[in-house]
Amino acid sequence: MWEQQGTVLQLTGNLARCEARALLVWAAVGEFAPVRLVFAWTRAADVPLLLGQVNFFMEFDACFYRSRLFFEIHPKT
């Protein structure tokens, strides 16, 4: 519920005009234990999705192998 999200965020760039809120969720990535993730959320009609991963890369190590179209994710150690 939009009204229940109390933390207002200021977006930048071409989204600076959009009101945004912080969304905290518990998420399970693959078979790993659930972690708390933070996203930016806006109600703008032209941006109908969750924006960014505020702390994803603080919770997981990711290795990207672009030439092989492959990536790996592991929980932080």
PDB file of N, CA and C in Angstrom:
ATOM      1  N   MET A   1       0.839  -1.176   0.000  1.00  0.00           N
ATOM      2  CA  MET A   1       0.000   0.000   0.000  1.00  0.00           C
ATOM      3  C   MET A   1       0.889   1.247   0.000  1.00  0.00           C
ATOM      4  N   TRP A   2       0.726   2.085  -1.004  1.00  0.00           N
ATOM      5  CA  TRP A   2       1.544   3.287  -1.167  1.00  0.00           C
ATOM      6  C   TRP A   2       1.529   4.162   0.089  1.00  0.00           C
ATOM      7  N   GLU A   3       0.364   4.406   0.633  1.00  0.00           N
ATOM      8  CA  GLU A   3       0.222   5.306   1.777  1.00  0.00           C
ATOM      9  C   GLU A   3       0.913   4.785   3.033  1.00  0.00           C
ATOM     10  N   GLN A   4       1.146   3.483   3.109  1.00  0.00           N
ATOM     11  CA  GLN A   4       1.775   2.894   4.292  1.00  0.00           C
ATOM     12  C   GLN A   4       3.300   2.935   4.222  1.00  0.00           C
ATOM     13  N   GLN A   5       3.862   3.304   3.093  1.00  0.00           N
ATOM     14  CA  GLN A   5       5.311   3.406   2.947  1.00  0.00           C
ATOM     15  C   GLN A   5       5.742   4.788   3.394  1.00  0.00           C
ATOM     16  N   GLY A   6       6.298   4.879   4.589  1.00  0.00           N
ATOM     17  CA  GLY A   6       6.568   6.166   5.201  1.00  0.00           C
ATOM     18  C   GLY A   6       7.852   6.848   4.773  1.00  0.00           C
ATOM     19  N   THR A   7       8.797   6.117   4.206  1.00  0.00           N
ATOM     20  CA  THR A   7      10.079   6.716   3.849  1.00  0.00           C
ATOM     21  C   THR A   7      10.037   7.236   2.424  1.00  0.00           C
ATOM     22  N   VAL A   8      10.037   8.566   2.293  1.00  0.00           N
ATOM     23  CA  VAL A   8      10.006   9.198   0.979  1.00  0.00           C
ATOM     24  C   VAL A   8      11.434   9.353   0.473  1.00  0.00           C
ATOM     25  N   LEU A   9      11.648   9.045  -0.803  1.00  0.00           N
ATOM     26  CA  LEU A   9      12.970   9.155  -1.418  1.00  0.00           C
ATOM     27  C   LEU A   9      12.966  10.237  -2.477  1.00  0.00           C
ATOM     28  N   GLN A  10      14.129  10.815  -2.728  1.00  0.00           N
ATOM     29  CA  GLN A  10      14.289  11.761  -3.820  1.00  0.00           C
ATOM     30  C   GLN A  10      15.051  11.056  -4.934  1.00  0.00           C
ATOM     31  N   LEU A  11      14.385  10.836  -6.056  1.00  0.00           N
ATOM     32  CA  LEU A  11      15.046  10.250  -7.216  1.00  0.00           C
ATOM     33  C   LEU A  11      15.813  11.337  -7.951  1.00  0.00           C
ATOM     34  N   THR A  12      16.698  10.939  -8.843  1.00  0.00           N
ATOM     35  CA  THR A  12      17.492  11.903  -9.599  1.00  0.00           C
ATOM     36  C   THR A  12      17.312  11.668 -11.091  1.00  0.00           C
ATOM     37  N   GLY A  13      17.960  12.482 -11.876  1.00  0.00           N
ATOM     38  CA  GLY A  13      17.910  12.339 -13.320  1.00  0.00           C
ATOM     39  C   GLY A  13      16.521  12.602 -13.864  1.00  0.00           C
ATOM     40  N   ASN A  14      16.142  11.846 -14.897  1.00  0.00           N
ATOM     41  CA  ASN A  14      14.831  12.073 -15.520  1.00  0.00           C
ATOM     42  C   ASN A  14      13.667  11.638 -14.635  1.00  0.00           C
ATOM     43  N   LEU A  15      13.937  11.025 -13.484  1.00  0.00           N
ATOM     44  CA  LEU A  15      12.878  10.632 -12.544  1.00  0.00           C
ATOM     45  C   LEU A  15      12.790  11.569 -11.340  1.00  0.00           C
ATOM     46  N   ALA A  16      13.545  12.662 -11.349  1.00  0.00           N
ATOM     47  CA  ALA A  16      13.561  13.581 -10.210  1.00  0.00           C
ATOM     48  C   ALA A  16      12.184  14.162  -9.918  1.00  0.00           C
ATOM     49  N   ARG A  17      11.323  14.252 -10.904  1.00  0.00           N
ATOM     50  CA  ARG A  17       9.978  14.814 -10.716  1.00  0.00           C
ATOM     51  C   ARG A  17       9.005  13.807 -10.095  1.00  0.00           C
ATOM     52  N   CYS A  18       9.402  12.541 -10.005  1.00  0.00           N
ATOM     53  CA  CYS A  18       8.511  11.480  -9.513  1.00  0.00           C
ATOM     54  C   CYS A  18       8.650  11.287  -8.015  1.00  0.00           C
ATOM     55  N   GLU A  19       7.528  11.203  -7.341  1.00  0.00           N
ATOM     56  CA  GLU A  19       7.548  10.865  -5.916  1.00  0.00           C
ATOM     57  C   GLU A  19       7.926   9.399  -5.783  1.00  0.00           C
ATOM     58  N   ALA A  20       8.772   9.100  -4.826  1.00  0.00           N
ATOM     59  CA  ALA A  20       9.211   7.715  -4.627  1.00  0.00           C
ATOM     60  C   ALA A  20       9.213   7.386  -3.146  1.00  0.00           C
ATOM     61  N   ARG A  21       9.072   6.116  -2.866  1.00  0.00           N
ATOM     62  CA  ARG A  21       9.085   5.604  -1.488  1.00  0.00           C
ATOM     63  C   ARG A  21      10.058   4.432  -1.407  1.00  0.00           C
ATOM     64  N   ALA A  22      10.576   4.214  -0.203  1.00  0.00           N
ATOM     65  CA  ALA A  22      11.416   3.046   0.041  1.00  0.00           C
ATOM     66  C   ALA A  22      10.514   1.858   0.319  1.00  0.00           C
ATOM     67  N   LEU A  23      10.882   0.731  -0.225  1.00  0.00           N
ATOM     68  CA  LEU A  23      10.134  -0.503  -0.015  1.00  0.00           C
ATOM     69  C   LEU A  23      11.100  -1.549   0.527  1.00  0.00           C
ATOM     70  N   LEU A  24      10.832  -2.028   1.745  1.00  0.00           N
ATOM     71  CA  LEU A  24      11.652  -3.053   2.377  1.00  0.00           C
ATOM     72  C   LEU A  24      10.938  -4.387   2.265  1.00  0.00           C
ATOM     73  N   VAL A  25      11.636  -5.381   1.740  1.00  0.00           N
ATOM     74  CA  VAL A  25      11.037  -6.704   1.583  1.00  0.00           C
ATOM     75  C   VAL A  25      12.030  -7.778   2.016  1.00  0.00           C
ATOM     76  N   TRP A  26      11.492  -8.875   2.465  1.00  0.00           N
ATOM     77  CA  TRP A  26      12.295 -10.078   2.665  1.00  0.00           C
ATOM     78  C   TRP A  26      12.203 -10.859   1.380  1.00  0.00           C
ATOM     79  N   ALA A  27      13.345 -11.215   0.816  1.00  0.00           N
ATOM     80  CA  ALA A  27      13.349 -11.901  -0.478  1.00  0.00           C
ATOM     81  C   ALA A  27      14.281 -13.094  -0.433  1.00  0.00           C
ATOM     82  N   ALA A  28      13.848 -14.169  -1.081  1.00  0.00           N
ATOM     83  CA  ALA A  28      14.697 -15.349  -1.242  1.00  0.00           C
ATOM     84  C   ALA A  28      15.184 -15.361  -2.687  1.00  0.00           C
ATOM     85  N   VAL A  29      16.490 -15.381  -2.843  1.00  0.00           N
ATOM     86  CA  VAL A  29      17.096 -15.439  -4.167  1.00  0.00           C
ATOM     87  C   VAL A  29      17.589 -16.861  -4.365  1.00  0.00           C
ATOM     88  N   GLY A  30      16.967 -17.551  -5.317  1.00  0.00           N
ATOM     89  CA  GLY A  30      17.337 -18.942  -5.554  1.00  0.00           C
ATOM     90  C   GLY A  30      17.126 -19.773  -4.308  1.00  0.00           C
ATOM     91  N   GLU A  31      18.097 -20.573  -3.983  1.00  0.00           N
ATOM     92  CA  GLU A  31      18.001 -21.473  -2.825  1.00  0.00           C
ATOM     93  C   GLU A  31      18.607 -20.868  -1.560  1.00  0.00           C
ATOM     94  N   PHE A  32      19.058 -19.618  -1.623  1.00  0.00           N
ATOM     95  CA  PHE A  32      19.709 -18.984  -0.483  1.00  0.00           C
ATOM     96  C   PHE A  32      18.684 -18.534   0.559  1.00  0.00           C
ATOM     97  N   ALA A  33      19.164 -18.387   1.772  1.00  0.00           N
ATOM     98  CA  ALA A  33      18.299 -17.928   2.870  1.00  0.00           C
ATOM     99  C   ALA A  33      17.756 -16.535   2.545  1.00  0.00           C
ATOM    100  N   PRO A  34      16.533 -16.236   2.967  1.00  0.00           N
ATOM    101  CA  PRO A  34      15.966 -14.904   2.712  1.00  0.00           C
ATOM    102  C   PRO A  34      16.800 -13.789   3.350  1.00  0.00           C
ATOM    103  N   VAL A  35      16.846 -12.656   2.663  1.00  0.00           N
ATOM    104  CA  VAL A  35      17.539 -11.462   3.163  1.00  0.00           C
ATOM    105  C   VAL A  35      16.606 -10.277   2.996  1.00  0.00           C
ATOM    106  N   ARG A  36      16.863  -9.233   3.754  1.00  0.00           N
ATOM    107  CA  ARG A  36      16.054  -8.016   3.641  1.00  0.00           C
ATOM    108  C   ARG A  36      16.655  -7.141   2.536  1.00  0.00           C
ATOM    109  N   LEU A  37      15.842  -6.802   1.550  1.00  0.00           N
ATOM    110  CA  LEU A  37      16.285  -5.971   0.436  1.00  0.00           C
ATOM    111  C   LEU A  37      15.501  -4.669   0.411  1.00  0.00           C
ATOM    112  N   VAL A  38      16.138  -3.620  -0.051  1.00  0.00           N
ATOM    113  CA  VAL A  38      15.532  -2.291  -0.115  1.00  0.00           C
ATOM    114  C   VAL A  38      15.438  -1.864  -1.572  1.00  0.00           C
ATOM    115  N   PHE A  39      14.269  -1.396  -1.981  1.00  0.00           N
ATOM    116  CA  PHE A  39      14.045  -0.926  -3.344  1.00  0.00           C
ATOM    117  C   PHE A  39      13.437   0.464  -3.295  1.00  0.00           C
ATOM    118  N   ALA A  40      13.596   1.199  -4.390  1.00  0.00           N
ATOM    119  CA  ALA A  40      12.885   2.463  -4.569  1.00  0.00           C
ATOM    120  C   ALA A  40      11.651   2.152  -5.405  1.00  0.00           C
ATOM    121  N   TRP A  41      10.519   2.734  -5.028  1.00  0.00           N
ATOM    122  CA  TRP A  41       9.241   2.449  -5.677  1.00  0.00           C
ATOM    123  C   TRP A  41       8.587   3.769  -6.028  1.00  0.00           C
ATOM    124  N   THR A  42       8.109   3.888  -7.260  1.00  0.00           N
ATOM    125  CA  THR A  42       7.389   5.088  -7.665  1.00  0.00           C
ATOM    126  C   THR A  42       6.063   4.701  -8.293  1.00  0.00           C
ATOM    127  N   ARG A  43       5.094   5.590  -8.172  1.00  0.00           N
ATOM    128  CA  ARG A  43       3.771   5.343  -8.751  1.00  0.00           C
ATOM    129  C   ARG A  43       3.644   5.980 -10.129  1.00  0.00           C
ATOM    130  N   ALA A  44       4.702   6.517 -10.672  1.00  0.00           N
ATOM    131  CA  ALA A  44       4.650   7.155 -11.988  1.00  0.00           C
ATOM    132  C   ALA A  44       4.149   6.168 -13.028  1.00  0.00           C
ATOM    133  N   ALA A  45       3.190   6.579 -13.833  1.00  0.00           N
ATOM    134  CA  ALA A  45       2.587   5.700 -14.839  1.00  0.00           C
ATOM    135  C   ALA A  45       3.595   5.228 -15.873  1.00  0.00           C
ATOM    136  N   ASP A  46       4.598   6.042 -16.157  1.00  0.00           N
ATOM    137  CA  ASP A  46       5.582   5.658 -17.163  1.00  0.00           C
ATOM    138  C   ASP A  46       6.774   4.896 -16.577  1.00  0.00           C
ATOM    139  N   VAL A  47       6.728   4.587 -15.287  1.00  0.00           N
ATOM    140  CA  VAL A  47       7.772   3.800 -14.629  1.00  0.00           C
ATOM    141  C   VAL A  47       7.082   2.744 -13.761  1.00  0.00           C
ATOM    142  N   PRO A  48       6.465   1.734 -14.384  1.00  0.00           N
ATOM    143  CA  PRO A  48       5.647   0.775 -13.628  1.00  0.00           C
ATOM    144  C   PRO A  48       6.436  -0.384 -13.024  1.00  0.00           C
ATOM    145  N   LEU A  49       7.518  -0.100 -12.315  1.00  0.00           N
ATOM    146  CA  LEU A  49       8.301  -1.179 -11.735  1.00  0.00           C
ATOM    147  C   LEU A  49       9.066  -0.701 -10.520  1.00  0.00           C
ATOM    148  N   LEU A  50       9.659  -1.648  -9.830  1.00  0.00           N
ATOM    149  CA  LEU A  50      10.537  -1.317  -8.715  1.00  0.00           C
ATOM    150  C   LEU A  50      11.862  -0.848  -9.287  1.00  0.00           C
ATOM    151  N   LEU A  51      12.414   0.191  -8.712  1.00  0.00           N
ATOM    152  CA  LEU A  51      13.644   0.780  -9.221  1.00  0.00           C
ATOM    153  C   LEU A  51      14.840   0.415  -8.369  1.00  0.00           C
ATOM    154  N   GLY A  52      15.850  -0.108  -8.995  1.00  0.00           N
ATOM    155  CA  GLY A  52      17.137  -0.262  -8.351  1.00  0.00           C
ATOM    156  C   GLY A  52      17.210  -1.267  -7.227  1.00  0.00           C
ATOM    157  N   GLN A  53      18.391  -1.547  -6.863  1.00  0.00           N
ATOM    158  CA  GLN A  53      18.669  -2.460  -5.776  1.00  0.00           C
ATOM    159  C   GLN A  53      19.566  -1.718  -4.818  1.00  0.00           C
ATOM    160  N   VAL A  54      18.966  -1.135  -3.809  1.00  0.00           N
ATOM    161  CA  VAL A  54      19.719  -0.301  -2.891  1.00  0.00           C
ATOM    162  C   VAL A  54      20.807  -1.099  -2.179  1.00  0.00           C
ATOM    163  N   ASN A  55      20.492  -2.277  -1.722  1.00  0.00           N
ATOM    164  CA  ASN A  55      21.482  -3.036  -0.948  1.00  0.00           C
ATOM    165  C   ASN A  55      21.733  -4.450  -1.468  1.00  0.00           C
ATOM    166  N   PHE A  56      21.279  -4.789  -2.651  1.00  0.00           N
ATOM    167  CA  PHE A  56      21.460  -6.151  -3.172  1.00  0.00           C
ATOM    168  C   PHE A  56      22.933  -6.549  -3.174  1.00  0.00           C
ATOM    169  N   PHE A  57      23.800  -5.664  -3.667  1.00  0.00           N
ATOM    170  CA  PHE A  57      25.211  -6.007  -3.775  1.00  0.00           C
ATOM    171  C   PHE A  57      25.949  -5.900  -2.440  1.00  0.00           C
ATOM    172  N   MET A  58      25.238  -5.506  -1.390  1.00  0.00           N
ATOM    173  CA  MET A  58      25.803  -5.589  -0.045  1.00  0.00           C
ATOM    174  C   MET A  58      25.455  -6.941   0.588  1.00  0.00           C
ATOM    175  N   GLU A  59      24.440  -7.596   0.066  1.00  0.00           N
ATOM    176  CA  GLU A  59      24.001  -8.890   0.591  1.00  0.00           C
ATOM    177  C   GLU A  59      24.521 -10.075  -0.226  1.00  0.00           C
ATOM    178  N   PHE A  60      24.838  -9.830  -1.500  1.00  0.00           N
ATOM    179  CA  PHE A  60      25.263 -10.904  -2.400  1.00  0.00           C
ATOM    180  C   PHE A  60      26.512 -10.497  -3.169  1.00  0.00           C
ATOM    181  N   ASP A  61      27.353 -11.469  -3.453  1.00  0.00           N
ATOM    182  CA  ASP A  61      28.467 -11.293  -4.381  1.00  0.00           C
ATOM    183  C   ASP A  61      27.984 -11.780  -5.741  1.00  0.00           C
ATOM    184  N   ALA A  62      28.236 -11.000  -6.766  1.00  0.00           N
ATOM    185  CA  ALA A  62      27.803 -11.360  -8.118  1.00  0.00           C
ATOM    186  C   ALA A  62      28.992 -11.303  -9.054  1.00  0.00           C
ATOM    187  N   CYS A  63      29.105 -12.315  -9.902  1.00  0.00           N
ATOM    188  CA  CYS A  63      30.143 -12.363 -10.931  1.00  0.00           C
ATOM    189  C   CYS A  63      29.436 -12.440 -12.277  1.00  0.00           C
ATOM    190  N   PHE A  64      29.765 -11.519 -13.169  1.00  0.00           N
ATOM    191  CA  PHE A  64      29.142 -11.458 -14.485  1.00  0.00           C
ATOM    192  C   PHE A  64      30.148 -11.879 -15.549  1.00  0.00           C
ATOM    193  N   TYR A  65      29.741 -12.797 -16.400  1.00  0.00           N
ATOM    194  CA  TYR A  65      30.561 -13.298 -17.497  1.00  0.00           C
ATOM    195  C   TYR A  65      29.839 -12.961 -18.797  1.00  0.00           C
ATOM    196  N   ARG A  66      29.978 -11.727 -19.208  1.00  0.00           N
ATOM    197  CA  ARG A  66      29.187 -11.237 -20.344  1.00  0.00           C
ATOM    198  C   ARG A  66      29.442 -12.033 -21.622  1.00  0.00           C
ATOM    199  N   SER A  67      30.672 -12.366 -21.902  1.00  0.00           N
ATOM    200  CA  SER A  67      30.976 -13.076 -23.152  1.00  0.00           C
ATOM    201  C   SER A  67      30.317 -14.444 -23.211  1.00  0.00           C
ATOM    202  N   ARG A  68      29.994 -14.999 -22.041  1.00  0.00           N
ATOM    203  CA  ARG A  68      29.329 -16.308 -21.985  1.00  0.00           C
ATOM    204  C   ARG A  68      27.845 -16.186 -21.653  1.00  0.00           C
ATOM    205  N   LEU A  69      27.338 -14.933 -21.530  1.00  0.00           N
ATOM    206  CA  LEU A  69      25.933 -14.688 -21.184  1.00  0.00           C
ATOM    207  C   LEU A  69      25.547 -15.441 -19.915  1.00  0.00           C
ATOM    208  N   PHE A  70      26.371 -15.291 -18.893  1.00  0.00           N
ATOM    209  CA  PHE A  70      26.242 -16.077 -17.673  1.00  0.00           C
ATOM    210  C   PHE A  70      26.591 -15.208 -16.471  1.00  0.00           C
ATOM    211  N   PHE A  71      25.939 -15.447 -15.337  1.00  0.00           N
ATOM    212  CA  PHE A  71      26.319 -14.781 -14.103  1.00  0.00           C
ATOM    213  C   PHE A  71      26.107 -15.730 -12.931  1.00  0.00           C
ATOM    214  N   GLU A  72      26.827 -15.457 -11.844  1.00  0.00           N
ATOM    215  CA  GLU A  72      26.723 -16.244 -10.620  1.00  0.00           C
ATOM    216  C   GLU A  72      26.416 -15.302  -9.464  1.00  0.00           C
ATOM    217  N   ILE A  73      25.613 -15.773  -8.529  1.00  0.00           N
ATOM    218  CA  ILE A  73      25.300 -15.010  -7.326  1.00  0.00           C
ATOM    219  C   ILE A  73      25.540 -15.922  -6.125  1.00  0.00           C
ATOM    220  N   HIS A  74      26.221 -15.370  -5.122  1.00  0.00           N
ATOM    221  CA  HIS A  74      26.482 -16.086  -3.880  1.00  0.00           C
ATOM    222  C   HIS A  74      26.194 -15.154  -2.707  1.00  0.00           C
ATOM    223  N   PRO A  75      25.699 -15.692  -1.589  1.00  0.00           N
ATOM    224  CA  PRO A  75      25.500 -14.841  -0.412  1.00  0.00           C
ATOM    225  C   PRO A  75      26.844 -14.285   0.053  1.00  0.00           C
ATOM    226  N   LYS A  76      26.807 -13.107   0.672  1.00  0.00           N
ATOM    227  CA  LYS A  76      28.062 -12.527   1.175  1.00  0.00           C
ATOM    228  C   LYS A  76      28.700 -13.452   2.188  1.00  0.00           C
ATOM    229  N   THR A  77      29.987 -13.361   2.284  1.00  0.00           N
ATOM    230  CA  THR A  77      30.708 -14.230   3.222  1.00  0.00           C
ATOM    231  C   THR A  77      31.271 -13.414   4.357  1.00  0.00           C
TER     232      THR A  77
END
